[in-house]
Amino acid sequence: MSTTWLPCGEYHQNYEQDHAWFQTRFIQGKMILLALCIFIFIPLVADDYWLSVCNQVGYTILGALGVQLLIGFCGQITLGHAAFLAVGAYTSTLLILEFPWPKILLDWGLAYPISIVLAAVVAGIWSVLFGLPSARVKGFYLILTTMAAQFITVDFIITQYVSQIGGRGQAFSLPPGTIKIGPWVIDSDLKIYFVMLILVILCVMAVVNLLRSRAGRAWVAIRDNDISAEVMGINVVKYKLLAFFVAGFIGGIAGAFWISNLAAISPEHFPWSWSLWLVGVILIGGVGSIHGTIFGSMFMVLVMEVLQLVIMQFADTAIGERLFMDFLFLKEAAFGLAICAFMIFEPKGLAYRWWQIKNYFNLWPFSY
C-alpha cells in the first residue's frame, strides 16, 4: 500500500516518524492547501468585515490556548484568564507609549515586537503569582483563586491605578502609526490578519512541542492523577507553576496582539465574562485538544456573527430592532444554550467529531 495513506497497513519504524508533524505526503498536501487558503485565498476574497472576523477568531484562539493548556492538559481550572490578557495588553501599550525607546529601535519598527515579548513575560510572571495557591488547593477553591486574579488585576489595579498613568483617565489612545513591525505600519485589517496568522502559528507550534516534551507528559500525569504523578517523582508544584507561566505567557501575547486592532484600550475590553467565554470555547471545541481550541474559537465567533447578520436582516421591523438593541443579552443566551447543547449531545466537543470524520475516510471501506 502507498505510504501516503496512513494508518491502513503502514507502521512507524522509529520514534521520529511517530512524532513527525506531517507524516504522509497526503497530509503534507492538505497542509499546503490550508496554507494557500489562509495566506492567499482569504486575503484576496475577504473584505474588511470578514477579515476583522478572522482577526477575532485568531484572538480567541490565542486567548483560549492558555486556558486549554491549564484545564485540558494540566487539570488546573481557571476562570480569570482575561486578567492575563489585560496585563499583556497594558504592558505592551505602556511600553509603546511611555518607554523612552532608542531612536534606532523606533526607526527600525522594533518597539512593538519587543513589547509583545516583554508583555508575555510579565503576564506569565503575574499568572504564576495567582497559580501559587494551586500548590495547596484544587477544584472549587482553585476556581476562586483564579477568579480573584480577574477582580484584583482588572477591576482594581488596572482600573484604579494603571489607567491613570499619564493623566489619561480610563482609556489609552493608540494613535495611527503607533503599531509598527519593521517598516510596516499595522493600520488595516489585512495587516492585522497576517500578524494574527504568524502569532497563532508560532503559539500553536510552541504548545504542541511543549506537550510532546517532558513538561507536557508531566502536565498530563498531573491532570490524570496528581498523587500518582508525585509518587512517580514528578515535582507537581513546579510543573503546575510552569503551566500557569506558559498559559499567562500566551495570554500576554494575545493581549499585546489585540491592541493592534484597537484605537484605544480600556478595562472594559477585558471583562470577567471573557474568561467564561474562553472556558466555553474549549468546552465546545473539546477539552484536551489543540484542534478543539481552534474549532471552538471558529464556532463561537462565526455563530455569533451569523446570528448578528440574521438579526440585522430584520432590523427594519419592530421585533428585529428590539433584538438588535438587546443583541448583547441574546449573545450571552446563545452562548449558554450552545454549551448546554454540546454538554448533552456532543460532550467530547468538535475535535472528537473531526477525529471521527477523519477516521471514516482514512479507514474506508472498513470504516465500521
Protein backbone atom coordinates (compact mmCIF):
# COMPACT_ATOMS: atom_id res chain seq x y z
CA MET A 1 0.00 0.00 0.00
CA SER A 2 1.19 3.55 -0.72
CA THR A 3 2.89 5.38 2.14
CA THR A 4 0.62 8.36 1.54
CA TRP A 5 -2.26 6.60 3.26
CA LEU A 6 -1.83 6.02 6.98
CA PRO A 7 -2.88 4.05 9.03
CA CYS A 8 -4.04 1.11 6.86
CA GLY A 9 -1.13 -1.32 6.61
CA GLU A 10 1.59 1.23 7.39
CA TYR A 11 3.60 1.34 10.60
CA HIS A 12 6.14 3.75 12.01
CA GLN A 13 9.62 2.31 12.34
CA ASN A 14 11.13 4.79 14.78
CA TYR A 15 10.29 7.50 17.30
CA GLU A 16 11.00 10.31 14.85
CA GLN A 17 8.40 9.02 12.39
CA ASP A 18 5.86 8.64 15.18
CA HIS A 19 6.21 12.30 16.16
CA ALA A 20 6.64 13.89 12.75
CA TRP A 21 4.47 16.93 12.14
CA PHE A 22 3.29 15.84 8.70
CA GLN A 23 3.63 12.08 8.49
CA THR A 24 2.49 11.41 4.93
CA ARG A 25 2.52 13.18 1.58
CA PHE A 26 -1.27 13.28 1.73
CA ILE A 27 -1.16 15.26 4.96
CA GLN A 28 1.60 17.47 3.55
CA GLY A 29 -0.63 18.21 0.57
CA LYS A 30 -3.53 19.13 2.84
CA MET A 31 -1.33 21.49 4.84
CA ILE A 32 -0.09 23.16 1.64
CA LEU A 33 -3.70 23.71 0.56
CA LEU A 34 -4.52 25.10 4.01
CA ALA A 35 -1.55 27.48 3.83
CA LEU A 36 -2.61 28.66 0.36
CA CYS A 37 -6.13 29.19 1.65
CA ILE A 38 -5.28 31.24 4.74
CA PHE A 39 -2.34 33.19 3.30
CA ILE A 40 -3.58 33.86 -0.25
CA PHE A 41 -7.23 32.96 -0.87
CA ILE A 42 -8.82 34.56 2.21
CA PRO A 43 -6.88 37.87 1.92
CA LEU A 44 -7.87 38.09 -1.76
CA VAL A 45 -11.60 37.42 -1.42
CA ALA A 46 -12.47 38.66 2.08
CA ASP A 47 -13.50 42.26 2.68
CA ASP A 48 -12.59 44.26 5.78
CA TYR A 49 -15.58 42.95 7.72
CA TRP A 50 -14.71 39.28 7.27
CA LEU A 51 -11.02 39.98 7.86
CA SER A 52 -12.00 41.54 11.19
CA VAL A 53 -14.00 38.39 11.96
CA CYS A 54 -10.92 36.29 11.16
CA ASN A 55 -8.87 38.50 13.49
CA GLN A 56 -11.45 37.93 16.22
CA VAL A 57 -11.11 34.17 15.66
CA GLY A 58 -7.33 34.42 15.95
CA TYR A 59 -7.56 36.49 19.12
CA THR A 60 -9.93 33.90 20.61
CA ILE A 61 -7.55 31.08 19.67
CA LEU A 62 -4.63 32.84 21.36
CA GLY A 63 -6.69 33.53 24.46
CA ALA A 64 -8.18 30.03 24.66
CA LEU A 65 -4.85 28.30 24.05
CA GLY A 66 -3.62 29.13 27.54
CA VAL A 67 -6.95 28.05 29.06
CA GLN A 68 -6.71 24.76 27.15
CA LEU A 69 -3.21 24.21 28.48
CA LEU A 70 -4.30 24.77 32.08
CA ILE A 71 -7.64 22.97 32.06
CA GLY A 72 -7.30 20.46 29.24
CA PHE A 73 -3.72 19.31 29.75
CA CYS A 74 -2.79 20.14 33.34
CA GLY A 75 -6.18 19.88 35.06
CA GLN A 76 -5.95 23.34 36.67
CA ILE A 77 -9.33 25.06 36.42
CA THR A 78 -9.16 28.79 35.71
CA LEU A 79 -11.90 31.41 35.50
CA GLY A 80 -9.77 34.54 35.43
CA HIS A 81 -7.68 34.23 32.30
CA ALA A 82 -8.85 37.56 30.88
CA ALA A 83 -6.73 39.22 33.57
CA PHE A 84 -3.54 37.94 31.95
CA LEU A 85 -4.67 39.13 28.53
CA ALA A 86 -5.22 42.55 30.12
CA VAL A 87 -1.74 42.50 31.68
CA GLY A 88 -0.21 41.73 28.29
CA ALA A 89 -2.24 44.42 26.53
CA TYR A 90 -1.47 47.14 29.07
CA THR A 91 2.20 46.21 29.36
CA SER A 92 2.65 46.41 25.59
CA THR A 93 0.68 49.68 25.41
CA LEU A 94 2.66 51.33 28.20
CA LEU A 95 5.96 50.23 26.67
CA ILE A 96 4.98 51.70 23.31
CA LEU A 97 3.55 54.97 24.63
CA GLU A 98 5.66 55.69 27.71
CA PHE A 99 9.02 53.92 27.42
CA PRO A 100 11.90 56.04 26.03
CA TRP A 101 12.95 53.73 23.21
CA PRO A 102 16.28 54.41 21.47
CA LYS A 103 15.69 56.16 18.16
CA ILE A 104 17.26 53.31 16.18
CA LEU A 105 14.68 50.82 17.54
CA LEU A 106 11.85 53.21 16.68
CA ASP A 107 13.20 53.75 13.18
CA TRP A 108 13.52 50.01 12.64
CA GLY A 109 9.99 49.40 13.96
CA LEU A 110 11.13 47.07 16.75
CA ALA A 111 9.34 48.70 19.68
CA TYR A 112 6.09 46.80 19.19
CA PRO A 113 7.66 43.33 18.58
CA ILE A 114 9.88 43.74 21.67
CA SER A 115 6.89 44.92 23.70
CA ILE A 116 5.00 41.74 22.76
CA VAL A 117 7.77 39.56 24.18
CA LEU A 118 8.10 41.65 27.36
CA ALA A 119 4.33 41.77 27.80
CA ALA A 120 4.18 37.97 27.52
CA VAL A 121 6.88 37.57 30.18
CA VAL A 122 5.16 39.99 32.56
CA ALA A 123 1.80 38.28 32.05
CA GLY A 124 3.44 34.88 32.62
CA ILE A 125 5.00 36.01 35.90
CA TRP A 126 1.72 37.59 37.00
CA SER A 127 -0.05 34.33 36.20
CA VAL A 128 2.42 32.40 38.37
CA LEU A 129 1.55 34.61 41.34
CA PHE A 130 -2.07 33.54 41.12
CA GLY A 131 -1.02 29.97 40.36
CA LEU A 132 0.80 29.66 43.69
CA PRO A 133 -2.40 28.60 45.53
CA SER A 134 -2.55 25.57 43.20
CA ALA A 135 0.23 24.10 45.35
CA ARG A 136 -2.23 23.79 48.24
CA VAL A 137 -5.73 23.85 46.77
CA LYS A 138 -7.56 22.48 43.74
CA GLY A 139 -11.03 22.18 42.28
CA PHE A 140 -13.58 24.66 43.58
CA TYR A 141 -11.03 26.50 45.73
CA LEU A 142 -8.68 26.97 42.77
CA ILE A 143 -11.57 28.42 40.78
CA LEU A 144 -12.00 31.08 43.45
CA THR A 145 -8.31 32.00 43.45
CA THR A 146 -8.24 32.37 39.66
CA MET A 147 -11.39 34.49 39.80
CA ALA A 148 -9.54 36.70 42.27
CA ALA A 149 -6.94 37.34 39.54
CA GLN A 150 -9.64 38.97 37.43
CA PHE A 151 -11.02 41.22 40.15
CA ILE A 152 -7.65 42.21 41.61
CA THR A 153 -5.92 42.78 38.28
CA VAL A 154 -8.57 44.38 36.05
CA ASP A 155 -11.16 45.83 38.44
CA PHE A 156 -8.67 47.15 41.00
CA ILE A 157 -5.07 47.58 39.80
CA ILE A 158 -5.65 48.42 36.13
CA THR A 159 -8.85 50.43 36.58
CA GLN A 160 -7.78 52.42 39.64
CA TYR A 161 -4.04 52.85 39.05
CA VAL A 162 -2.63 51.74 35.69
CA SER A 163 -5.32 53.55 33.71
CA GLN A 164 -4.40 56.81 35.45
CA ILE A 165 -0.80 56.83 34.21
CA GLY A 166 -0.14 59.97 32.22
CA GLY A 167 -3.41 61.54 33.34
CA ARG A 168 -5.36 59.76 30.63
CA GLY A 169 -8.31 58.71 32.75
CA GLN A 170 -9.67 55.31 31.82
CA ALA A 171 -8.51 54.76 28.23
CA PHE A 172 -5.14 54.72 26.48
CA SER A 173 -5.36 56.12 22.97
CA LEU A 174 -3.31 54.40 20.27
CA PRO A 175 -2.76 56.99 17.51
CA PRO A 176 -2.43 55.81 13.90
CA GLY A 177 1.13 54.76 13.14
CA THR A 178 1.78 53.67 16.73
CA ILE A 179 1.87 49.95 15.96
CA LYS A 180 4.78 49.15 13.64
CA ILE A 181 6.65 45.97 12.78
CA GLY A 182 9.78 46.86 10.87
CA PRO A 183 8.88 49.33 8.10
CA TRP A 184 5.22 48.26 8.08
CA VAL A 185 2.63 50.28 9.95
CA ILE A 186 -0.13 47.93 11.17
CA ASP A 187 -3.07 50.12 10.24
CA SER A 188 -5.50 47.88 8.36
CA ASP A 189 -7.46 44.69 8.94
CA LEU A 190 -5.38 42.91 6.30
CA LYS A 191 -2.08 43.69 8.04
CA ILE A 192 -3.54 42.73 11.41
CA TYR A 193 -4.70 39.47 9.81
CA PHE A 194 -1.17 38.50 8.79
CA VAL A 195 0.19 39.41 12.25
CA MET A 196 -2.52 37.23 13.75
CA LEU A 197 -1.66 34.28 11.50
CA ILE A 198 2.02 34.40 12.41
CA LEU A 199 1.34 34.64 16.15
CA VAL A 200 -1.26 31.84 16.11
CA ILE A 201 1.02 29.51 14.14
CA LEU A 202 4.01 30.20 16.41
CA CYS A 203 1.99 29.76 19.62
CA VAL A 204 0.27 26.56 18.44
CA MET A 205 3.59 25.06 17.35
CA ALA A 206 5.19 26.02 20.67
CA VAL A 207 2.37 24.46 22.72
CA VAL A 208 2.30 21.27 20.64
CA ASN A 209 6.05 20.84 21.04
CA LEU A 210 5.79 21.51 24.78
CA LEU A 211 3.11 18.85 25.11
CA ARG A 212 5.45 16.33 23.47
CA SER A 213 8.25 17.18 25.90
CA ARG A 214 8.97 16.10 29.48
CA ALA A 215 6.91 19.03 30.76
CA GLY A 216 3.91 18.07 28.63
CA ARG A 217 3.97 14.47 29.85
CA ALA A 218 4.21 15.74 33.43
CA TRP A 219 1.18 18.01 32.90
CA VAL A 220 -0.91 15.14 31.58
CA ALA A 221 0.15 12.95 34.51
CA ILE A 222 -0.85 15.70 36.96
CA ARG A 223 -4.18 16.11 35.20
CA ASP A 224 -4.95 12.40 35.36
CA ASN A 225 -3.85 11.87 38.97
CA ASP A 226 -1.61 14.36 40.75
CA ILE A 227 -0.95 12.00 43.68
CA SER A 228 0.26 9.23 41.38
CA ALA A 229 2.36 11.76 39.47
CA GLU A 230 4.05 12.87 42.68
CA VAL A 231 4.70 9.26 43.70
CA MET A 232 6.42 8.72 40.33
CA GLY A 233 8.83 11.54 41.13
CA ILE A 234 7.21 14.45 39.29
CA ASN A 235 7.60 17.81 41.03
CA VAL A 236 3.90 18.65 40.96
CA VAL A 237 4.21 22.23 42.24
CA LYS A 238 6.98 23.06 39.79
CA TYR A 239 5.06 21.81 36.76
CA LYS A 240 1.80 23.40 37.86
CA LEU A 241 3.52 26.78 38.12
CA LEU A 242 5.20 26.19 34.77
CA ALA A 243 1.77 25.58 33.25
CA PHE A 244 0.49 28.83 34.74
CA PHE A 245 3.52 30.69 33.38
CA VAL A 246 3.12 29.31 29.85
CA ALA A 247 -0.63 29.99 29.89
CA GLY A 248 -0.04 33.55 31.10
CA PHE A 249 2.75 33.99 28.54
CA ILE A 250 0.41 33.07 25.68
CA GLY A 251 -2.32 35.23 27.20
CA GLY A 252 0.12 38.15 27.26
CA ILE A 253 0.82 37.62 23.55
CA ALA A 254 -2.94 37.61 22.88
CA GLY A 255 -3.43 40.88 24.75
CA ALA A 256 -0.43 42.54 23.10
CA PHE A 257 -1.72 41.46 19.70
CA TRP A 258 -5.22 42.75 20.34
CA ILE A 259 -4.11 46.36 20.87
CA SER A 260 -3.21 46.41 17.17
CA ASN A 261 -6.95 46.04 16.50
CA LEU A 262 -8.00 48.87 18.83
CA ALA A 263 -7.90 52.65 18.58
CA ALA A 264 -7.95 52.87 22.37
CA ILE A 265 -7.64 50.36 25.20
CA SER A 266 -9.63 50.35 28.43
CA PRO A 267 -10.51 47.84 31.20
CA GLU A 268 -13.88 47.27 29.52
CA HIS A 269 -12.09 45.24 26.85
CA PHE A 270 -11.24 42.54 29.42
CA PRO A 271 -14.37 41.73 31.45
CA TRP A 272 -14.79 38.63 33.58
CA SER A 273 -17.32 37.33 31.04
CA TRP A 274 -14.43 36.97 28.57
CA SER A 275 -12.79 34.46 30.93
CA LEU A 276 -16.03 32.46 30.93
CA TRP A 277 -16.20 32.76 27.16
CA LEU A 278 -12.72 31.24 26.77
CA VAL A 279 -13.66 28.30 29.00
CA GLY A 280 -16.80 27.82 26.91
CA VAL A 281 -14.68 27.80 23.75
CA ILE A 282 -12.62 24.81 24.89
CA LEU A 283 -15.71 23.00 26.21
CA ILE A 284 -17.37 23.30 22.80
CA GLY A 285 -14.18 22.63 20.83
CA GLY A 286 -13.02 19.75 23.01
CA VAL A 287 -11.12 19.69 26.29
CA GLY A 288 -7.56 18.41 25.96
CA SER A 289 -7.25 19.07 22.23
CA ILE A 290 -5.38 21.76 20.30
CA HIS A 291 -7.79 21.16 17.41
CA GLY A 292 -10.58 21.79 19.89
CA THR A 293 -9.20 25.23 20.69
CA ILE A 294 -9.24 26.18 17.01
CA PHE A 295 -12.62 24.62 16.22
CA GLY A 296 -14.24 26.07 19.34
CA SER A 297 -12.95 29.56 18.55
CA MET A 298 -14.19 29.37 14.97
CA PHE A 299 -17.56 28.01 16.04
CA MET A 300 -18.24 30.61 18.73
CA VAL A 301 -17.13 33.64 16.73
CA LEU A 302 -18.78 32.62 13.47
CA VAL A 303 -22.06 31.56 15.08
CA MET A 304 -22.35 34.90 16.87
CA GLU A 305 -21.52 36.83 13.71
CA VAL A 306 -24.08 34.88 11.67
CA LEU A 307 -26.64 35.44 14.41
CA GLN A 308 -25.98 39.17 14.27
CA LEU A 309 -26.26 39.22 10.47
CA VAL A 310 -29.59 37.39 10.64
CA ILE A 311 -30.94 39.88 13.17
CA MET A 312 -29.77 42.81 11.01
CA GLN A 313 -31.84 41.47 8.11
CA PHE A 314 -34.94 42.16 10.22
CA ALA A 315 -33.69 45.43 11.71
CA ASP A 316 -36.44 47.39 9.93
CA THR A 317 -39.14 45.56 11.85
CA ALA A 318 -40.10 46.33 15.44
CA ILE A 319 -39.05 42.90 16.69
CA GLY A 320 -35.79 42.99 14.73
CA GLU A 321 -34.94 46.44 16.09
CA ARG A 322 -35.57 45.28 19.65
CA LEU A 323 -33.45 42.15 19.13
CA PHE A 324 -30.64 44.25 17.68
CA MET A 325 -30.72 46.59 20.67
CA ASP A 326 -30.61 43.60 23.03
CA PHE A 327 -28.04 41.66 21.00
CA LEU A 328 -25.54 41.53 23.87
CA PHE A 329 -28.04 39.66 26.03
CA LEU A 330 -29.09 37.48 23.10
CA LYS A 331 -25.42 36.65 22.50
CA GLU A 332 -24.97 35.55 26.12
CA ALA A 333 -28.13 33.44 25.92
CA ALA A 334 -26.88 31.78 22.71
CA PHE A 335 -23.54 31.12 24.39
CA GLY A 336 -25.23 29.39 27.32
CA LEU A 337 -27.51 27.36 25.06
CA ALA A 338 -24.54 26.27 22.93
CA ILE A 339 -22.66 24.99 25.98
CA CYS A 340 -25.74 23.11 27.25
CA ALA A 341 -26.34 21.57 23.83
CA PHE A 342 -22.75 20.40 23.49
CA MET A 343 -22.61 19.01 27.00
CA ILE A 344 -25.73 16.95 26.26
CA PHE A 345 -25.27 15.90 22.63
CA GLU A 346 -21.52 16.23 21.97
CA PRO A 347 -19.70 16.22 25.33
CA LYS A 348 -16.31 15.49 23.75
CA GLY A 349 -16.55 18.57 21.56
CA LEU A 350 -16.00 19.36 17.92
CA ALA A 351 -12.48 17.92 17.96
CA TYR A 352 -13.86 14.44 18.64
CA ARG A 353 -16.31 14.77 15.75
CA TRP A 354 -13.45 15.87 13.49
CA TRP A 355 -11.44 12.84 14.62
CA GLN A 356 -14.34 10.56 13.72
CA ILE A 357 -14.71 12.13 10.27
CA LYS A 358 -11.01 11.74 9.54
CA ASN A 359 -11.07 8.11 10.65
CA TYR A 360 -14.09 7.40 8.47
CA PHE A 361 -12.18 8.42 5.34
CA ASN A 362 -8.81 7.02 6.45
CA LEU A 363 -10.30 3.61 7.17
CA TRP A 364 -12.70 3.44 4.22
CA PRO A 365 -14.03 0.97 3.06
CA PHE A 366 -13.67 -0.59 6.51
CA SER A 367 -14.94 2.48 8.39
CA TYR A 368 -17.06 0.43 10.72
